[in-house]
Amino acid sequence: DFATPRAVLTGHDYEITCAAICAELGLVISGSKEGPCLIHSMNGDLLRTLEGPERLEGPENCLRPKLIQASREGHCVIYYENGLFCVFSVNGRLQAAMETDDKIR
């Protein structure tokens, strides 16, 4: 038997660097090399775009997501290459941001 995809997720212009699945909420959250993180439904519908605080100031401050984790309570934590942690609600609202000098793996 051949596996077939359940859905095709679209919306990123660059390669995907990180992703998380929250089966309890039916969400897939993904981040790309040069772009924002996107929230899709498990059916493939694009629901939200997650923009970090620096991205709002201009394209020269583009954030590159490195790690994503989603909780069943509807929170999404994203760690960016520049040492920035952001917590978003499932509705796409930025709830908190913190910078660190440590390298997270």
Protein backbone atom coordinates (compact mmCIF):
# COMPACT_ATOMS: atom_id res chain seq x y z
CA ASP A 1 0.00 0.00 0.00
CA PHE A 2 1.08 3.52 -0.75
CA ALA A 3 0.67 6.30 1.76
CA THR A 4 -1.24 9.30 0.47
CA PRO A 5 -1.15 12.77 1.99
CA ARG A 6 -4.15 13.85 4.01
CA ALA A 7 -3.70 17.46 2.87
CA VAL A 8 -1.24 19.69 1.05
CA LEU A 9 -0.31 22.77 3.04
CA THR A 10 0.54 25.87 1.02
CA GLY A 11 1.53 29.44 1.80
CA HIS A 12 5.28 29.47 2.38
CA ASP A 13 7.57 31.06 -0.22
CA TYR A 14 10.73 29.37 1.11
CA GLU A 15 11.73 25.98 2.49
CA ILE A 16 10.18 24.79 5.75
CA THR A 17 12.63 24.83 8.67
CA CYS A 18 10.37 23.69 11.52
CA ALA A 19 6.89 22.36 12.13
CA ALA A 20 4.64 21.17 14.94
CA ILE A 21 1.35 19.30 14.96
CA CYS A 22 -1.29 19.81 17.64
CA ALA A 23 -3.64 16.89 17.09
CA GLU A 24 -5.90 17.95 19.99
CA LEU A 25 -6.74 21.22 18.23
CA GLY A 26 -6.37 19.90 14.67
CA LEU A 27 -3.59 22.36 13.78
CA VAL A 28 -0.29 22.28 11.93
CA ILE A 29 2.15 25.13 12.60
CA SER A 30 5.12 25.59 10.30
CA GLY A 31 7.94 28.07 9.84
CA SER A 32 9.98 28.80 6.73
CA LYS A 33 13.54 29.93 6.13
CA GLU A 34 12.74 33.56 5.23
CA GLY A 35 9.16 34.00 6.23
CA PRO A 36 6.54 33.99 8.93
CA CYS A 37 5.07 30.97 10.67
CA LEU A 38 1.72 29.74 9.41
CA ILE A 39 -1.12 27.91 11.14
CA HIS A 40 -3.07 25.44 9.00
CA SER A 41 -5.95 23.16 9.82
CA MET A 42 -5.35 19.44 9.40
CA ASN A 43 -7.48 19.70 6.25
CA GLY A 44 -4.98 22.12 4.69
CA ASP A 45 -6.81 25.43 5.21
CA LEU A 46 -4.53 28.38 6.01
CA LEU A 47 -5.89 29.92 9.22
CA ARG A 48 -3.35 32.44 10.53
CA THR A 49 0.05 34.03 10.00
CA LEU A 50 2.25 34.49 13.07
CA GLU A 51 4.42 37.59 12.83
CA GLY A 52 7.12 38.27 15.41
CA PRO A 53 7.50 41.80 16.81
CA GLU A 54 10.62 42.72 14.79
CA ARG A 55 9.03 41.60 11.53
CA LEU A 56 6.44 44.34 11.93
CA GLU A 57 9.20 46.96 11.68
CA GLY A 58 10.42 46.01 8.22
CA PRO A 59 11.74 43.24 5.97
CA GLU A 60 15.37 43.84 6.94
CA ASN A 61 14.54 42.38 10.38
CA CYS A 62 13.09 39.15 9.01
CA LEU A 63 12.84 36.52 11.72
CA ARG A 64 13.93 32.99 10.89
CA PRO A 65 12.06 30.40 12.97
CA LYS A 66 14.17 27.53 14.21
CA LEU A 67 11.95 25.63 16.67
CA ILE A 68 8.17 25.47 17.16
CA GLN A 69 6.11 23.82 19.88
CA ALA A 70 2.33 23.92 20.25
CA SER A 71 0.28 23.10 23.33
CA ARG A 72 -3.18 21.58 23.59
CA GLU A 73 -4.24 24.76 25.43
CA GLY A 74 -3.77 26.77 22.26
CA HIS A 75 -0.35 28.36 22.81
CA CYS A 76 2.50 28.28 20.34
CA VAL A 77 6.12 28.91 21.35
CA ILE A 78 8.52 29.84 18.57
CA TYR A 79 12.29 30.18 18.92
CA TYR A 80 13.97 32.27 16.22
CA GLU A 81 17.62 32.13 15.09
CA ASN A 82 18.40 35.54 16.60
CA GLY A 83 17.63 34.28 20.14
CA LEU A 84 14.06 35.54 20.33
CA PHE A 85 11.31 33.48 21.97
CA CYS A 86 7.71 34.39 21.17
CA VAL A 87 4.48 32.99 22.57
CA PHE A 88 1.39 33.29 20.40
CA SER A 89 -2.23 32.39 21.03
CA VAL A 90 -3.89 30.04 18.57
CA ASN A 91 -5.66 33.15 17.24
CA GLY A 92 -2.32 34.60 16.13
CA ARG A 93 -1.94 37.20 18.86
CA LEU A 94 1.56 37.77 20.22
CA GLN A 95 1.33 37.26 23.98
CA ALA A 96 4.97 37.49 25.08
CA ALA A 97 8.47 37.88 23.70
CA MET A 98 11.87 37.38 25.32
CA GLU A 99 15.42 37.51 24.01
CA THR A 100 18.25 35.24 25.12
CA ASP A 101 21.94 35.02 24.32
CA ASP A 102 21.95 31.26 24.78
CA LYS A 103 21.84 28.89 21.82
CA ILE A 104 18.80 26.62 22.09
CA ARG A 105 18.66 23.18 20.50
